Amino acid sequence: MDLKKAISQGTPDSDWAQLLQTWVICENNKEMEPEATADHFYQAAKGFGTDVNMFVHLLCSCTGSCFKLVCEAYQKKYKKSLYKVIEKEFKGTNEFAFLLAHEFLVNPAEGVAFALKQGCREQNMMLIATTLIHSEKYIETIKMAYTRLGDLQQDIAKYGKYVEIVSKMWGL
């Protein structure tokens, strides 16, 4: 069974699942024209309803360095951050997945920090999984990225029964 089929069978029919399926098979390797791509994001969010397919396509296509330029172009032309637009357009169930894609493209360490923050906030297995996957290799970079979101040690302390082990894995 191919990966996309396995993911589609294991996830609900939702916008975040579509993003996940596309993210896994895409390579985020296109250098897109920042101003034109910013315009595409604007059009996808304009009016009543959101063009989810366009958001998914754009988030899953361009490189991180290109995406940073797209964010700058969007801010300059439309006087608002693309992050805030994504937050507004995908409020609710899909919000975390689309904001995570944004954060990961801007800076992978910030994406991991964002996932950690969500794991601390919801006290779920995301904190454990993110810690297991990323704490050893990228510990200092992620801890630095987390500082803009809060205090990692304090946030982990709210987690509960795994506080000690998770804190140790992050060197706290």
Protein backbone atom coordinates (compact mmCIF):
# COMPACT_ATOMS: atom_id res chain seq x y z
CA MET A 1 0.00 0.00 0.00
CA ASP A 2 1.41 3.41 -0.87
CA LEU A 3 1.86 6.10 1.76
CA LYS A 4 -0.82 8.46 0.45
CA LYS A 5 -3.41 5.67 0.44
CA ALA A 6 -2.41 4.61 3.96
CA ILE A 7 -2.74 8.18 5.22
CA SER A 8 -6.06 8.71 3.45
CA GLN A 9 -7.46 5.55 5.03
CA GLY A 10 -6.20 6.54 8.47
CA THR A 11 -7.42 10.14 8.52
CA PRO A 12 -10.85 11.71 8.32
CA ASP A 13 -12.10 13.56 5.27
CA SER A 14 -10.93 17.01 6.33
CA ASP A 15 -8.81 19.92 5.17
CA TRP A 16 -5.97 19.06 7.56
CA ALA A 17 -5.94 15.47 6.27
CA GLN A 18 -5.71 16.77 2.70
CA LEU A 19 -2.78 18.95 3.77
CA LEU A 20 -1.06 15.99 5.44
CA GLN A 21 -1.55 13.72 2.44
CA THR A 22 -0.17 16.31 0.04
CA TRP A 23 2.70 17.32 2.34
CA VAL A 24 3.93 13.73 2.53
CA ILE A 25 4.09 13.24 -1.25
CA CYS A 26 5.31 16.72 -2.22
CA GLU A 27 8.89 17.76 -1.98
CA ASN A 28 8.56 21.48 -1.17
CA ASN A 29 11.17 22.11 -3.83
CA LYS A 30 9.75 24.83 -6.06
CA GLU A 31 11.21 28.31 -6.19
CA MET A 32 8.05 30.27 -6.87
CA GLU A 33 7.80 33.97 -7.68
CA PRO A 34 7.13 35.57 -4.25
CA GLU A 35 4.81 38.40 -5.34
CA ALA A 36 2.71 36.17 -7.61
CA THR A 37 2.51 33.48 -4.93
CA ALA A 38 1.45 36.09 -2.35
CA ASP A 39 -1.32 37.10 -4.76
CA HIS A 40 -2.40 33.45 -5.07
CA PHE A 41 -2.65 33.19 -1.27
CA TYR A 42 -4.68 36.42 -1.23
CA GLN A 43 -7.07 35.11 -3.89
CA ALA A 44 -7.42 31.80 -2.02
CA ALA A 45 -8.54 33.67 1.11
CA LYS A 46 -10.59 36.37 -0.61
CA GLY A 47 -14.36 36.51 -0.36
CA PHE A 48 -16.70 33.98 1.14
CA GLY A 49 -15.09 30.60 1.64
CA THR A 50 -11.50 29.49 1.43
CA ASP A 51 -9.85 27.85 -1.56
CA VAL A 52 -8.39 25.01 0.48
CA ASN A 53 -6.88 23.30 -2.57
CA MET A 54 -4.90 26.43 -3.42
CA PHE A 55 -3.62 26.81 0.16
CA VAL A 56 -2.58 23.14 0.22
CA HIS A 57 -0.90 23.39 -3.18
CA LEU A 58 1.07 26.52 -2.26
CA LEU A 59 2.10 25.32 1.20
CA CYS A 60 3.23 21.96 -0.15
CA SER A 61 5.11 23.26 -3.18
CA CYS A 62 7.54 26.04 -2.36
CA THR A 63 10.83 25.80 -0.51
CA GLY A 64 11.24 27.30 2.93
CA SER A 65 13.47 30.11 1.67
CA CYS A 66 10.94 30.93 -1.06
CA PHE A 67 8.07 30.81 1.45
CA LYS A 68 9.82 33.39 3.65
CA LEU A 69 9.95 35.74 0.66
CA VAL A 70 6.28 35.02 -0.06
CA CYS A 71 5.40 35.96 3.54
CA GLU A 72 7.37 39.21 3.21
CA ALA A 73 5.69 40.03 -0.12
CA TYR A 74 2.26 39.30 1.37
CA GLN A 75 2.93 41.53 4.38
CA LYS A 76 4.21 44.34 2.18
CA LYS A 77 1.37 44.25 -0.33
CA TYR A 78 -1.62 43.38 1.86
CA LYS A 79 -0.48 44.89 5.20
CA LYS A 80 -1.16 41.72 7.17
CA SER A 81 0.79 38.61 7.95
CA LEU A 82 0.13 35.42 6.07
CA TYR A 83 0.21 33.65 9.44
CA LYS A 84 -2.78 35.72 10.61
CA VAL A 85 -4.62 35.03 7.36
CA ILE A 86 -4.09 31.27 7.73
CA GLU A 87 -5.16 31.48 11.38
CA LYS A 88 -8.40 33.25 10.38
CA GLU A 89 -9.18 31.08 7.34
CA PHE A 90 -8.63 27.76 9.11
CA LYS A 91 -9.95 28.57 12.59
CA GLY A 92 -10.93 25.47 14.50
CA THR A 93 -10.13 21.87 13.61
CA ASN A 94 -7.79 22.68 10.72
CA GLU A 95 -5.97 25.62 12.30
CA PHE A 96 -3.10 23.74 13.91
CA ALA A 97 -2.13 21.77 10.78
CA PHE A 98 -2.06 24.81 8.49
CA LEU A 99 -0.22 27.00 11.00
CA LEU A 100 2.28 24.18 11.59
CA ALA A 101 2.97 24.02 7.85
CA HIS A 102 3.51 27.81 7.86
CA GLU A 103 5.85 27.67 10.86
CA PHE A 104 7.78 24.69 9.52
CA LEU A 105 8.36 26.40 6.17
CA VAL A 106 9.53 29.62 7.82
CA ASN A 107 11.92 27.73 10.10
CA PRO A 108 11.76 23.99 10.87
CA ALA A 109 12.91 24.59 14.46
CA GLU A 110 10.03 27.04 14.94
CA GLY A 111 7.67 24.43 13.51
CA VAL A 112 8.86 21.89 16.06
CA ALA A 113 8.59 24.51 18.83
CA PHE A 114 5.03 25.25 17.68
CA ALA A 115 4.17 21.53 17.88
CA LEU A 116 5.72 21.36 21.36
CA LYS A 117 3.65 24.34 22.50
CA GLN A 118 0.50 22.66 21.22
CA GLY A 119 1.48 19.43 22.97
CA CYS A 120 2.03 21.28 26.25
CA ARG A 121 -1.23 23.20 25.87
CA GLU A 122 -3.36 20.15 25.16
CA GLN A 123 -1.39 17.78 27.37
CA ASN A 124 -1.39 15.09 24.75
CA MET A 125 0.96 12.62 23.14
CA MET A 126 2.18 15.27 20.68
CA LEU A 127 4.52 16.52 23.41
CA ILE A 128 5.96 13.04 23.91
CA ALA A 129 6.21 12.30 20.17
CA THR A 130 7.80 15.66 19.33
CA THR A 131 10.27 15.21 22.17
CA LEU A 132 11.21 11.69 21.09
CA ILE A 133 11.66 12.67 17.46
CA HIS A 134 13.49 15.97 17.83
CA SER A 135 14.98 16.54 21.29
CA GLU A 136 18.35 14.87 20.81
CA LYS A 137 19.37 16.14 17.40
CA TYR A 138 18.03 19.70 17.43
CA ILE A 139 17.77 20.44 21.14
CA GLU A 140 19.43 23.86 21.30
CA THR A 141 17.92 25.20 18.08
CA ILE A 142 14.42 24.21 19.14
CA LYS A 143 14.83 25.52 22.68
CA MET A 144 15.91 28.86 21.19
CA ALA A 145 12.95 28.89 18.79
CA TYR A 146 10.58 28.10 21.67
CA THR A 147 11.54 31.28 23.53
CA ARG A 148 9.22 33.34 21.31
CA LEU A 149 6.31 31.11 22.37
CA GLY A 150 6.96 30.98 26.10
CA ASP A 151 9.05 29.17 28.68
CA LEU A 152 9.53 25.53 27.68
CA GLN A 153 10.32 24.39 31.21
CA GLN A 154 7.21 26.05 32.66
CA ASP A 155 5.02 24.74 29.86
CA ILE A 156 6.30 21.17 30.28
CA ALA A 157 5.77 21.47 34.05
CA LYS A 158 2.03 21.78 33.37
CA TYR A 159 2.01 18.46 31.52
CA GLY A 160 1.58 16.02 34.39
CA LYS A 161 2.95 12.55 34.91
CA TYR A 162 5.75 12.69 32.31
CA VAL A 163 7.19 16.05 33.40
CA GLU A 164 10.46 14.68 34.73
CA ILE A 165 11.38 12.52 31.74
CA VAL A 166 10.30 15.09 29.12
CA SER A 167 12.20 17.85 30.95
CA LYS A 168 15.34 15.72 31.07
CA MET A 169 15.10 14.92 27.37
CA TRP A 170 15.06 18.68 26.65
CA GLY A 171 17.99 19.25 29.01
CA LEU A 172 15.94 21.30 31.49
